[in-house]
Amino acid sequence: DLHELFRRFGHTSRIYLAKDRITNQSRGF
């Protein structure tokens, strides 16, 4: 989702999404 959102502005070399270790859901940043 983040790649899709940010790629229209230019080349992204890396996206790191912080995830909860137990639920594997986004931690919000």
PDB file of all heavy atoms in Angstrom:
ATOM      1  N   ASP A   1       0.839  -1.207   0.000  1.00  0.00           N
ATOM      2  CA  ASP A   1       0.000   0.000   0.000  1.00  0.00           C
ATOM      3  C   ASP A   1       0.871   1.254   0.000  1.00  0.00           C
ATOM      4  O   ASP A   1       0.613   2.206  -0.745  1.00  0.00           O
ATOM      5  CB  ASP A   1      -0.904   0.044   1.245  1.00  0.00           C
ATOM      6  CG  ASP A   1      -1.931  -1.058   1.285  1.00  0.00           C
ATOM      7  OD1 ASP A   1      -2.320  -1.572   0.215  1.00  0.00           O
ATOM      8  OD2 ASP A   1      -2.346  -1.416   2.412  1.00  0.00           O
ATOM      9  N   LEU A   2       1.909   1.247   0.822  1.00  0.00           N
ATOM     10  CA  LEU A   2       2.792   2.407   0.910  1.00  0.00           C
ATOM     11  C   LEU A   2       3.585   2.600  -0.377  1.00  0.00           C
ATOM     12  O   LEU A   2       3.779   3.726  -0.829  1.00  0.00           O
ATOM     13  CB  LEU A   2       3.729   2.268   2.105  1.00  0.00           C
ATOM     14  CG  LEU A   2       3.049   2.310   3.469  1.00  0.00           C
ATOM     15  CD1 LEU A   2       4.056   2.058   4.578  1.00  0.00           C
ATOM     16  CD2 LEU A   2       2.328   3.625   3.682  1.00  0.00           C
ATOM     17  N   HIS A   3       4.012   1.496  -0.969  1.00  0.00           N
ATOM     18  CA  HIS A   3       4.721   1.592  -2.249  1.00  0.00           C
ATOM     19  C   HIS A   3       3.818   2.240  -3.293  1.00  0.00           C
ATOM     20  O   HIS A   3       4.237   3.136  -4.027  1.00  0.00           O
ATOM     21  CB  HIS A   3       5.182   0.206  -2.712  1.00  0.00           C
ATOM     22  CG  HIS A   3       5.860   0.231  -4.036  1.00  0.00           C
ATOM     23  ND1 HIS A   3       7.122   0.741  -4.215  1.00  0.00           N
ATOM     24  CD2 HIS A   3       5.441  -0.162  -5.254  1.00  0.00           C
ATOM     25  CE1 HIS A   3       7.446   0.657  -5.485  1.00  0.00           C
ATOM     26  NE2 HIS A   3       6.444   0.115  -6.142  1.00  0.00           N
ATOM     27  N   GLU A   4       2.575   1.813  -3.344  1.00  0.00           N
ATOM     28  CA  GLU A   4       1.612   2.366  -4.298  1.00  0.00           C
ATOM     29  C   GLU A   4       1.376   3.859  -4.032  1.00  0.00           C
ATOM     30  O   GLU A   4       1.288   4.661  -4.958  1.00  0.00           O
ATOM     31  CB  GLU A   4       0.292   1.595  -4.208  1.00  0.00           C
ATOM     32  CG  GLU A   4      -0.711   1.945  -5.265  1.00  0.00           C
ATOM     33  CD  GLU A   4      -0.279   1.547  -6.664  1.00  0.00           C
ATOM     34  OE1 GLU A   4       0.463   0.559  -6.809  1.00  0.00           O
ATOM     35  OE2 GLU A   4      -0.684   2.234  -7.618  1.00  0.00           O
ATOM     36  N   LEU A   5       1.308   4.240  -2.774  1.00  0.00           N
ATOM     37  CA  LEU A   5       1.051   5.627  -2.396  1.00  0.00           C
ATOM     38  C   LEU A   5       2.232   6.544  -2.738  1.00  0.00           C
ATOM     39  O   LEU A   5       2.029   7.644  -3.246  1.00  0.00           O
ATOM     40  CB  LEU A   5       0.756   5.697  -0.896  1.00  0.00           C
ATOM     41  CG  LEU A   5       0.445   7.065  -0.309  1.00  0.00           C
ATOM     42  CD1 LEU A   5      -0.844   7.632  -0.909  1.00  0.00           C
ATOM     43  CD2 LEU A   5       0.332   6.974   1.210  1.00  0.00           C
ATOM     44  N   PHE A   6       3.457   6.079  -2.484  1.00  0.00           N
ATOM     45  CA  PHE A   6       4.629   6.945  -2.629  1.00  0.00           C
ATOM     46  C   PHE A   6       5.298   6.873  -3.998  1.00  0.00           C
ATOM     47  O   PHE A   6       6.018   7.795  -4.371  1.00  0.00           O
ATOM     48  CB  PHE A   6       5.655   6.632  -1.536  1.00  0.00           C
ATOM     49  CG  PHE A   6       5.287   7.233  -0.211  1.00  0.00           C
ATOM     50  CD1 PHE A   6       4.533   6.510   0.700  1.00  0.00           C
ATOM     51  CD2 PHE A   6       5.664   8.516   0.114  1.00  0.00           C
ATOM     52  CE1 PHE A   6       4.167   7.061   1.922  1.00  0.00           C
ATOM     53  CE2 PHE A   6       5.313   9.084   1.321  1.00  0.00           C
ATOM     54  CZ  PHE A   6       4.557   8.353   2.226  1.00  0.00           C
ATOM     55  N   ARG A   7       5.073   5.831  -4.777  1.00  0.00           N
ATOM     56  CA  ARG A   7       5.809   5.675  -6.038  1.00  0.00           C
ATOM     57  C   ARG A   7       5.479   6.750  -7.066  1.00  0.00           C
ATOM     58  O   ARG A   7       6.287   7.045  -7.936  1.00  0.00           O
ATOM     59  CB  ARG A   7       5.593   4.290  -6.631  1.00  0.00           C
ATOM     60  CG  ARG A   7       4.226   4.081  -7.239  1.00  0.00           C
ATOM     61  CD  ARG A   7       4.089   2.679  -7.770  1.00  0.00           C
ATOM     62  NE  ARG A   7       2.799   2.550  -8.423  1.00  0.00           N
ATOM     63  CZ  ARG A   7       2.624   1.893  -9.533  1.00  0.00           C
ATOM     64  NH1 ARG A   7       3.621   1.293 -10.116  1.00  0.00           N
ATOM     65  NH2 ARG A   7       1.424   1.826 -10.055  1.00  0.00           N
ATOM     66  N   ARG A   8       4.341   7.374  -6.948  1.00  0.00           N
ATOM     67  CA  ARG A   8       3.973   8.423  -7.912  1.00  0.00           C
ATOM     68  C   ARG A   8       4.825   9.679  -7.768  1.00  0.00           C
ATOM     69  O   ARG A   8       4.825  10.536  -8.638  1.00  0.00           O
ATOM     70  CB  ARG A   8       2.488   8.750  -7.818  1.00  0.00           C
ATOM     71  CG  ARG A   8       2.071   9.310  -6.485  1.00  0.00           C
ATOM     72  CD  ARG A   8       0.577   9.499  -6.429  1.00  0.00           C
ATOM     73  NE  ARG A   8       0.135   9.549  -5.055  1.00  0.00           N
ATOM     74  CZ  ARG A   8      -0.913  10.205  -4.661  1.00  0.00           C
ATOM     75  NH1 ARG A   8      -1.642  10.864  -5.528  1.00  0.00           N
ATOM     76  NH2 ARG A   8      -1.254  10.197  -3.393  1.00  0.00           N
ATOM     77  N   PHE A   9       5.588   9.778  -6.668  1.00  0.00           N
ATOM     78  CA  PHE A   9       6.426  10.955  -6.449  1.00  0.00           C
ATOM     79  C   PHE A   9       7.869  10.729  -6.877  1.00  0.00           C
ATOM     80  O   PHE A   9       8.647  11.677  -6.934  1.00  0.00           O
ATOM     81  CB  PHE A   9       6.374  11.374  -4.979  1.00  0.00           C
ATOM     82  CG  PHE A   9       4.978  11.681  -4.542  1.00  0.00           C
ATOM     83  CD1 PHE A   9       4.277  10.799  -3.738  1.00  0.00           C
ATOM     84  CD2 PHE A   9       4.340  12.838  -4.975  1.00  0.00           C
ATOM     85  CE1 PHE A   9       2.977  11.077  -3.357  1.00  0.00           C
ATOM     86  CE2 PHE A   9       3.033  13.116  -4.605  1.00  0.00           C
ATOM     87  CZ  PHE A   9       2.350  12.229  -3.795  1.00  0.00           C
ATOM     88  N   GLY A  10       8.241   9.485  -7.128  1.00  0.00           N
ATOM     89  CA  GLY A  10       9.600   9.174  -7.555  1.00  0.00           C
ATOM     90  C   GLY A  10      10.007   7.795  -7.090  1.00  0.00           C
ATOM     91  O   GLY A  10       9.232   7.072  -6.460  1.00  0.00           O
ATOM     92  N   HIS A  11      11.247   7.436  -7.396  1.00  0.00           N
ATOM     93  CA  HIS A  11      11.745   6.103  -7.067  1.00  0.00           C
ATOM     94  C   HIS A  11      12.007   5.972  -5.571  1.00  0.00           C
ATOM     95  O   HIS A  11      12.752   6.756  -4.984  1.00  0.00           O
ATOM     96  CB  HIS A  11      13.035   5.819  -7.847  1.00  0.00           C
ATOM     97  CG  HIS A  11      13.567   4.452  -7.583  1.00  0.00           C
ATOM     98  ND1 HIS A  11      14.568   4.227  -6.679  1.00  0.00           N
ATOM     99  CD2 HIS A  11      13.210   3.245  -8.082  1.00  0.00           C
ATOM    100  CE1 HIS A  11      14.812   2.929  -6.630  1.00  0.00           C
ATOM    101  NE2 HIS A  11      14.003   2.318  -7.479  1.00  0.00           N
ATOM    102  N   THR A  12      11.386   4.972  -4.960  1.00  0.00           N
ATOM    103  CA  THR A  12      11.649   4.659  -3.558  1.00  0.00           C
ATOM    104  C   THR A  12      12.609   3.480  -3.524  1.00  0.00           C
ATOM    105  O   THR A  12      12.410   2.489  -4.224  1.00  0.00           O
ATOM    106  CB  THR A  12      10.359   4.308  -2.795  1.00  0.00           C
ATOM    107  OG1 THR A  12       9.700   3.232  -3.446  1.00  0.00           O
ATOM    108  CG2 THR A  12       9.424   5.495  -2.700  1.00  0.00           C
ATOM    109  N   SER A  13      13.652   3.587  -2.725  1.00  0.00           N
ATOM    110  CA  SER A  13      14.632   2.516  -2.651  1.00  0.00           C
ATOM    111  C   SER A  13      14.313   1.526  -1.535  1.00  0.00           C
ATOM    112  O   SER A  13      14.750   0.382  -1.571  1.00  0.00           O
ATOM    113  CB  SER A  13      16.033   3.087  -2.443  1.00  0.00           C
ATOM    114  OG  SER A  13      16.078   3.847  -1.259  1.00  0.00           O
ATOM    115  N   ARG A  14      13.527   1.969  -0.551  1.00  0.00           N
ATOM    116  CA  ARG A  14      13.201   1.089   0.569  1.00  0.00           C
ATOM    117  C   ARG A  14      11.995   1.641   1.300  1.00  0.00           C
ATOM    118  O   ARG A  14      11.852   2.851   1.456  1.00  0.00           O
ATOM    119  CB  ARG A  14      14.392   1.040   1.532  1.00  0.00           C
ATOM    120  CG  ARG A  14      14.171   0.185   2.758  1.00  0.00           C
ATOM    121  CD  ARG A  14      15.454   0.139   3.589  1.00  0.00           C
ATOM    122  NE  ARG A  14      15.262  -0.664   4.779  1.00  0.00           N
ATOM    123  CZ  ARG A  14      15.084  -0.164   6.002  1.00  0.00           C
ATOM    124  NH1 ARG A  14      15.070   1.131   6.190  1.00  0.00           N
ATOM    125  NH2 ARG A  14      14.927  -0.952   7.043  1.00  0.00           N
ATOM    126  N   ILE A  15      11.149   0.725   1.747  1.00  0.00           N
ATOM    127  CA  ILE A  15      10.024   1.089   2.603  1.00  0.00           C
ATOM    128  C   ILE A  15      10.058   0.144   3.788  1.00  0.00           C
ATOM    129  O   ILE A  15      10.085  -1.077   3.619  1.00  0.00           O
ATOM    130  CB  ILE A  15       8.674   0.980   1.864  1.00  0.00           C
ATOM    131  CG1 ILE A  15       8.622   2.013   0.739  1.00  0.00           C
ATOM    132  CG2 ILE A  15       7.512   1.161   2.837  1.00  0.00           C
ATOM    133  CD1 ILE A  15       7.372   1.961  -0.103  1.00  0.00           C
ATOM    134  N   TYR A  16      10.106   0.716   4.981  1.00  0.00           N
ATOM    135  CA  TYR A  16      10.079  -0.081   6.200  1.00  0.00           C
ATOM    136  C   TYR A  16       8.808   0.255   6.956  1.00  0.00           C
ATOM    137  O   TYR A  16       8.609   1.395   7.385  1.00  0.00           O
ATOM    138  CB  TYR A  16      11.295   0.206   7.093  1.00  0.00           C
ATOM    139  CG  TYR A  16      11.146  -0.426   8.458  1.00  0.00           C
ATOM    140  CD1 TYR A  16      11.353  -1.790   8.631  1.00  0.00           C
ATOM    141  CD2 TYR A  16      10.763   0.330   9.553  1.00  0.00           C
ATOM    142  CE1 TYR A  16      11.187  -2.383   9.876  1.00  0.00           C
ATOM    143  CE2 TYR A  16      10.590  -0.238  10.803  1.00  0.00           C
ATOM    144  CZ  TYR A  16      10.810  -1.599  10.956  1.00  0.00           C
ATOM    145  OH  TYR A  16      10.625  -2.190  12.187  1.00  0.00           O
ATOM    146  N   LEU A  17       7.946  -0.724   7.099  1.00  0.00           N
ATOM    147  CA  LEU A  17       6.708  -0.574   7.860  1.00  0.00           C
ATOM    148  C   LEU A  17       6.888  -1.283   9.192  1.00  0.00           C
ATOM    149  O   LEU A  17       7.136  -2.494   9.224  1.00  0.00           O
ATOM    150  CB  LEU A  17       5.532  -1.182   7.091  1.00  0.00           C
ATOM    151  CG  LEU A  17       4.191  -1.217   7.811  1.00  0.00           C
ATOM    152  CD1 LEU A  17       3.700   0.202   8.118  1.00  0.00           C
ATOM    153  CD2 LEU A  17       3.165  -1.969   6.975  1.00  0.00           C
ATOM    154  N   ALA A  18       6.802  -0.537  10.280  1.00  0.00           N
ATOM    155  CA  ALA A  18       6.929  -1.137  11.607  1.00  0.00           C
ATOM    156  C   ALA A  18       5.691  -1.989  11.881  1.00  0.00           C
ATOM    157  O   ALA A  18       4.561  -1.528  11.712  1.00  0.00           O
ATOM    158  CB  ALA A  18       7.071  -0.055  12.663  1.00  0.00           C
ATOM    159  N   LYS A  19       5.938  -3.250  12.289  1.00  0.00           N
ATOM    160  CA  LYS A  19       4.835  -4.178  12.550  1.00  0.00           C
ATOM    161  C   LYS A  19       4.955  -4.767  13.941  1.00  0.00           C
ATOM    162  O   LYS A  19       6.058  -4.967  14.454  1.00  0.00           O
ATOM    163  CB  LYS A  19       4.850  -5.325  11.528  1.00  0.00           C
ATOM    164  CG  LYS A  19       4.576  -4.889  10.122  1.00  0.00           C
ATOM    165  CD  LYS A  19       4.601  -6.087   9.201  1.00  0.00           C
ATOM    166  CE  LYS A  19       4.423  -5.668   7.757  1.00  0.00           C
ATOM    167  NZ  LYS A  19       4.517  -6.821   6.870  1.00  0.00           N
ATOM    168  N   ASP A  20       3.818  -5.067  14.529  1.00  0.00           N
ATOM    169  CA  ASP A  20       3.762  -5.744  15.811  1.00  0.00           C
ATOM    170  C   ASP A  20       4.261  -7.170  15.625  1.00  0.00           C
ATOM    171  O   ASP A  20       3.856  -7.853  14.684  1.00  0.00           O
ATOM    172  CB  ASP A  20       2.319  -5.745  16.325  1.00  0.00           C
ATOM    173  CG  ASP A  20       2.207  -6.370  17.699  1.00  0.00           C
ATOM    174  OD1 ASP A  20       2.124  -7.626  17.761  1.00  0.00           O
ATOM    175  OD2 ASP A  20       2.189  -5.632  18.689  1.00  0.00           O
ATOM    176  N   ARG A  21       5.139  -7.614  16.493  1.00  0.00           N
ATOM    177  CA  ARG A  21       5.724  -8.961  16.350  1.00  0.00           C
ATOM    178  C   ARG A  21       4.714 -10.078  16.530  1.00  0.00           C
ATOM    179  O   ARG A  21       4.871 -11.148  15.961  1.00  0.00           O
ATOM    180  CB  ARG A  21       6.853  -9.145  17.356  1.00  0.00           C
ATOM    181  CG  ARG A  21       8.048  -8.310  17.031  1.00  0.00           C
ATOM    182  CD  ARG A  21       9.163  -8.557  18.004  1.00  0.00           C
ATOM    183  NE  ARG A  21      10.289  -7.707  17.666  1.00  0.00           N
ATOM    184  CZ  ARG A  21      11.286  -7.441  18.467  1.00  0.00           C
ATOM    185  NH1 ARG A  21      11.304  -7.952  19.675  1.00  0.00           N
ATOM    186  NH2 ARG A  21      12.274  -6.669  18.076  1.00  0.00           N
ATOM    187  N   ILE A  22       3.686  -9.838  17.300  1.00  0.00           N
ATOM    188  CA  ILE A  22       2.704 -10.892  17.580  1.00  0.00           C
ATOM    189  C   ILE A  22       1.583 -10.892  16.547  1.00  0.00           C
ATOM    190  O   ILE A  22       1.263 -11.921  15.956  1.00  0.00           O
ATOM    191  CB  ILE A  22       2.131 -10.731  19.009  1.00  0.00           C
ATOM    192  CG1 ILE A  22       3.274 -10.916  20.020  1.00  0.00           C
ATOM    193  CG2 ILE A  22       1.001 -11.725  19.261  1.00  0.00           C
ATOM    194  CD1 ILE A  22       2.922 -10.554  21.431  1.00  0.00           C
ATOM    195  N   THR A  23       0.988  -9.734  16.299  1.00  0.00           N
ATOM    196  CA  THR A  23      -0.170  -9.669  15.398  1.00  0.00           C
ATOM    197  C   THR A  23       0.223  -9.446  13.942  1.00  0.00           C
ATOM    198  O   THR A  23      -0.586  -9.645  13.049  1.00  0.00           O
ATOM    199  CB  THR A  23      -1.111  -8.520  15.805  1.00  0.00           C
ATOM    200  OG1 THR A  23      -0.423  -7.272  15.623  1.00  0.00           O
ATOM    201  CG2 THR A  23      -1.579  -8.676  17.244  1.00  0.00           C
ATOM    202  N   ASN A  24       1.458  -8.989  13.707  1.00  0.00           N
ATOM    203  CA  ASN A  24       1.956  -8.662  12.368  1.00  0.00           C
ATOM    204  C   ASN A  24       1.196  -7.502  11.722  1.00  0.00           C
ATOM    205  O   ASN A  24       1.272  -7.291  10.524  1.00  0.00           O
ATOM    206  CB  ASN A  24       1.957  -9.885  11.451  1.00  0.00           C
ATOM    207  CG  ASN A  24       3.001  -9.766  10.365  1.00  0.00           C
ATOM    208  OD1 ASN A  24       4.074  -9.200  10.574  1.00  0.00           O
ATOM    209  ND2 ASN A  24       2.702 -10.276   9.192  1.00  0.00           N
ATOM    210  N   GLN A  25       0.465  -6.739  12.525  1.00  0.00           N
ATOM    211  CA  GLN A  25      -0.236  -5.562  12.018  1.00  0.00           C
ATOM    212  C   GLN A  25       0.661  -4.341  12.140  1.00  0.00           C
ATOM    213  O   GLN A  25       1.593  -4.305  12.949  1.00  0.00           O
ATOM    214  CB  GLN A  25      -1.523  -5.317  12.810  1.00  0.00           C
ATOM    215  CG  GLN A  25      -2.597  -6.336  12.554  1.00  0.00           C
ATOM    216  CD  GLN A  25      -3.862  -5.992  13.336  1.00  0.00           C
ATOM    217  OE1 GLN A  25      -3.807  -5.640  14.507  1.00  0.00           O
ATOM    218  NE2 GLN A  25      -4.995  -6.123  12.671  1.00  0.00           N
ATOM    219  N   SER A  26       0.370  -3.337  11.355  1.00  0.00           N
ATOM    220  CA  SER A  26       1.121  -2.086  11.372  1.00  0.00           C
ATOM    221  C   SER A  26       1.092  -1.472  12.768  1.00  0.00           C
ATOM    222  O   SER A  26       0.071  -1.500  13.452  1.00  0.00           O
ATOM    223  CB  SER A  26       0.493  -1.110  10.369  1.00  0.00           C
ATOM    224  OG  SER A  26       0.925   0.201  10.617  1.00  0.00           O
ATOM    225  N   ARG A  27       2.230  -0.914  13.171  1.00  0.00           N
ATOM    226  CA  ARG A  27       2.315  -0.194  14.449  1.00  0.00           C
ATOM    227  C   ARG A  27       2.018   1.284  14.264  1.00  0.00           C
ATOM    228  O   ARG A  27       2.134   2.072  15.200  1.00  0.00           O
ATOM    229  CB  ARG A  27       3.702  -0.379  15.063  1.00  0.00           C
ATOM    230  CG  ARG A  27       3.913  -1.807  15.559  1.00  0.00           C
ATOM    231  CD  ARG A  27       5.256  -1.999  16.214  1.00  0.00           C
ATOM    232  NE  ARG A  27       5.495  -1.020  17.264  1.00  0.00           N
ATOM    233  CZ  ARG A  27       6.716  -0.617  17.624  1.00  0.00           C
ATOM    234  NH1 ARG A  27       7.774  -1.088  17.027  1.00  0.00           N
ATOM    235  NH2 ARG A  27       6.859   0.280  18.573  1.00  0.00           N
ATOM    236  N   GLY A  28       1.646   1.676  13.030  1.00  0.00           N
ATOM    237  CA  GLY A  28       1.207   3.051  12.813  1.00  0.00           C
ATOM    238  C   GLY A  28       2.246   3.987  12.238  1.00  0.00           C
ATOM    239  O   GLY A  28       1.974   5.165  12.051  1.00  0.00           O
ATOM    240  N   PHE A  29       3.461   3.471  11.965  1.00  0.00           N
ATOM    241  CA  PHE A  29       4.469   4.346  11.358  1.00  0.00           C
ATOM    242  C   PHE A  29       5.343   3.554  10.399  1.00  0.00           C
ATOM    243  O   PHE A  29       5.428   2.336  10.467  1.00  0.00           O
ATOM    244  CB  PHE A  29       5.315   5.050  12.420  1.00  0.00           C
ATOM    245  CG  PHE A  29       6.253   4.146  13.188  1.00  0.00           C
ATOM    246  CD1 PHE A  29       7.569   3.999  12.783  1.00  0.00           C
ATOM    247  CD2 PHE A  29       5.821   3.468  14.310  1.00  0.00           C
ATOM    248  CE1 PHE A  29       8.438   3.179  13.488  1.00  0.00           C
ATOM    249  CE2 PHE A  29       6.683   2.642  15.024  1.00  0.00           C
ATOM    250  CZ  PHE A  29       7.996   2.502  14.612  1.00  0.00           C
TER     251      PHE A  29
END
